[in-house]
Amino acid sequence: MTTPAHAGRMLFVNLPVADLERSKAFFAALGFGFNPKFTDETAACMPVGEDAFVMLLTREKFAQFSKLPMADPTTHTLALYCFSVSSRDEVDTVSAAALAAGATEADDAEDYGFMYSRSFFDLDGHGWQVMWMAPAAVEQGPEAFAASMQDADSPS
């Protein structure tokens, strides 16, 4: 690619699921919606950002796009999926909703001060992380933000 990012670029992550309706209900319980223009009985388009989407695909539909065999997400990790929320409290709210909807907790909460996250496995075993990062850390980058916090804590 000659341009690393360009206006209009979109990201689609294709994810195989065993039961599309069950997966849609699970993610709806976390607050996600679906674009009806790209949703049918074999696929559901779940917007996760302004130009980022997760395509929940039946295993049969997914197999049409991949020449390689599907891995079992309960025994092999091919990717971890992370999405951000607007506050630390929302990390806990979304994680609690995921667990209530049938997810299993993947790990303990991780708290780095400028970033807070929790992880879970969805109904198919795919690993997800919900995270919040302090806006200043997003703007400055984690290392610069941590350095600025150390400077602020140092006596003058």
Protein backbone atom coordinates (compact mmCIF):
# COMPACT_ATOMS: atom_id res chain seq x y z
CA MET A 1 0.00 0.00 0.00
CA THR A 2 1.33 3.40 -0.85
CA THR A 3 -0.89 5.13 1.68
CA PRO A 4 -1.11 3.50 5.12
CA ALA A 5 -4.53 5.00 5.78
CA HIS A 6 -6.84 6.81 3.47
CA ALA A 7 -10.21 8.44 3.77
CA GLY A 8 -12.94 5.92 3.25
CA ARG A 9 -10.94 2.84 4.24
CA MET A 10 -13.07 0.35 6.12
CA LEU A 11 -12.14 -2.70 8.17
CA PHE A 12 -14.21 -5.88 8.08
CA VAL A 13 -13.33 -8.73 10.43
CA ASN A 14 -15.05 -11.97 9.39
CA LEU A 15 -15.87 -14.30 12.27
CA PRO A 16 -17.39 -17.77 11.96
CA VAL A 17 -20.17 -18.59 14.42
CA ALA A 18 -22.05 -21.81 15.11
CA ASP A 19 -25.49 -20.21 15.54
CA LEU A 20 -25.96 -16.81 13.92
CA GLU A 21 -29.17 -15.87 15.76
CA ARG A 22 -27.67 -16.84 19.12
CA SER A 23 -24.54 -14.77 18.35
CA LYS A 24 -26.64 -11.77 17.28
CA ALA A 25 -28.60 -11.97 20.54
CA PHE A 26 -25.35 -12.21 22.52
CA PHE A 27 -23.79 -9.13 20.92
CA ALA A 28 -27.07 -7.20 21.09
CA ALA A 29 -26.97 -7.81 24.86
CA LEU A 30 -23.61 -6.02 24.86
CA GLY A 31 -25.15 -3.01 23.10
CA PHE A 32 -24.17 -3.72 19.49
CA GLY A 33 -26.55 -3.33 16.58
CA PHE A 34 -26.58 -4.74 13.06
CA ASN A 35 -26.74 -3.11 9.65
CA PRO A 36 -29.82 -4.65 7.98
CA LYS A 37 -28.45 -3.92 4.49
CA PHE A 38 -25.68 -6.45 5.06
CA THR A 39 -27.48 -8.93 7.30
CA ASP A 40 -29.34 -12.04 6.21
CA GLU A 41 -29.75 -15.64 7.36
CA THR A 42 -26.03 -16.36 6.72
CA ALA A 43 -24.34 -13.15 7.88
CA ALA A 44 -24.77 -10.19 10.22
CA CYS A 45 -22.87 -6.92 9.86
CA MET A 46 -22.05 -5.52 13.32
CA PRO A 47 -20.63 -1.96 13.30
CA VAL A 48 -17.97 -1.56 15.99
CA GLY A 49 -16.58 1.81 14.95
CA GLU A 50 -17.05 4.54 12.41
CA ASP A 51 -15.48 2.45 9.64
CA ALA A 52 -14.96 -0.90 11.37
CA PHE A 53 -17.29 -3.88 11.25
CA VAL A 54 -17.42 -7.46 12.47
CA MET A 55 -19.16 -9.80 10.07
CA LEU A 56 -20.69 -12.67 12.01
CA LEU A 57 -20.88 -15.47 9.44
CA THR A 58 -22.38 -18.93 9.63
CA ARG A 59 -19.62 -21.50 9.38
CA GLU A 60 -20.88 -22.47 5.94
CA LYS A 61 -20.71 -18.86 4.73
CA PHE A 62 -17.28 -18.36 6.28
CA ALA A 63 -16.00 -21.48 4.50
CA GLN A 64 -16.88 -19.85 1.15
CA PHE A 65 -14.26 -17.16 1.83
CA SER A 66 -11.43 -19.31 3.19
CA LYS A 67 -9.50 -22.07 1.46
CA LEU A 68 -8.01 -23.25 4.75
CA PRO A 69 -9.89 -25.29 7.34
CA MET A 70 -11.52 -23.40 10.21
CA ALA A 71 -9.79 -23.59 13.56
CA ASP A 72 -11.76 -24.37 16.69
CA PRO A 73 -11.65 -21.15 18.75
CA THR A 74 -12.11 -23.16 21.95
CA THR A 75 -8.75 -24.90 21.40
CA HIS A 76 -6.73 -22.52 19.19
CA THR A 77 -6.29 -18.76 19.24
CA LEU A 78 -5.90 -17.11 15.86
CA ALA A 79 -6.76 -13.60 16.95
CA LEU A 80 -8.02 -11.60 19.91
CA TYR A 81 -10.67 -8.98 19.30
CA CYS A 82 -10.61 -5.77 21.28
CA PHE A 83 -12.98 -2.83 21.28
CA SER A 84 -12.94 0.34 23.30
CA VAL A 85 -15.65 1.95 25.39
CA SER A 86 -15.96 5.47 26.76
CA SER A 87 -15.25 4.88 30.48
CA ARG A 88 -13.78 2.52 33.04
CA ASP A 89 -17.28 1.88 34.40
CA GLU A 90 -18.48 0.92 30.92
CA VAL A 91 -15.74 -1.74 30.74
CA ASP A 92 -17.31 -3.39 33.79
CA THR A 93 -20.88 -2.88 32.51
CA VAL A 94 -20.17 -4.45 29.10
CA SER A 95 -18.16 -7.28 30.64
CA ALA A 96 -20.97 -8.04 33.11
CA ALA A 97 -23.47 -8.04 30.23
CA ALA A 98 -21.26 -10.48 28.29
CA LEU A 99 -21.02 -12.84 31.26
CA ALA A 100 -24.77 -12.60 31.87
CA ALA A 101 -25.38 -13.43 28.19
CA GLY A 102 -23.30 -16.61 28.41
CA ALA A 103 -19.68 -15.56 27.92
CA THR A 104 -16.94 -16.94 30.15
CA GLU A 105 -14.35 -14.75 31.79
CA ALA A 106 -10.96 -15.10 30.11
CA ASP A 107 -8.77 -13.27 32.59
CA ASP A 108 -8.78 -10.96 35.58
CA ALA A 109 -9.26 -7.24 34.99
CA GLU A 110 -6.08 -5.42 33.95
CA ASP A 111 -5.56 -1.93 35.34
CA TYR A 112 -2.61 0.14 34.14
CA GLY A 113 -3.98 3.47 35.39
CA PHE A 114 -4.20 5.02 31.91
CA MET A 115 -5.85 1.85 30.53
CA TYR A 116 -8.34 -0.61 32.01
CA SER A 117 -9.61 -3.80 30.39
CA ARG A 118 -11.46 -7.05 30.94
CA SER A 119 -11.53 -10.14 28.74
CA PHE A 120 -14.06 -12.84 27.93
CA PHE A 121 -14.73 -15.69 25.54
CA ASP A 122 -17.93 -15.36 23.50
CA LEU A 123 -20.41 -18.17 22.89
CA ASP A 124 -18.19 -19.67 20.17
CA GLY A 125 -14.96 -19.36 22.18
CA HIS A 126 -13.55 -16.28 20.42
CA GLY A 127 -11.48 -14.10 22.76
CA TRP A 128 -12.67 -10.53 23.27
CA GLN A 129 -11.30 -7.65 25.30
CA VAL A 130 -13.23 -4.54 26.24
CA MET A 131 -11.00 -1.63 27.16
CA TRP A 132 -10.92 2.02 28.11
CA MET A 133 -7.91 4.29 27.67
CA ALA A 134 -7.51 7.77 29.11
CA PRO A 135 -8.04 10.30 26.29
CA ALA A 136 -4.70 11.97 27.09
CA ALA A 137 -2.93 8.60 26.72
CA VAL A 138 -4.62 8.10 23.34
CA GLU A 139 -3.50 11.55 22.22
CA GLN A 140 0.04 11.42 23.60
CA GLY A 141 0.75 7.70 23.41
CA PRO A 142 1.06 5.53 26.51
CA GLU A 143 4.79 6.14 27.16
CA ALA A 144 4.57 9.92 26.84
CA PHE A 145 1.44 9.95 29.00
CA ALA A 146 3.13 7.83 31.70
CA ALA A 147 6.16 10.14 31.63
CA SER A 148 3.93 13.21 31.97
CA MET A 149 2.21 11.60 34.96
CA GLN A 150 5.59 10.87 36.60
CA ASP A 151 6.64 14.48 36.01
CA ALA A 152 3.39 15.67 37.59
CA ASP A 153 4.01 13.46 40.65
CA SER A 154 7.63 14.62 41.09
CA PRO A 155 8.24 17.32 43.69
CA SER A 156 9.46 20.58 42.18
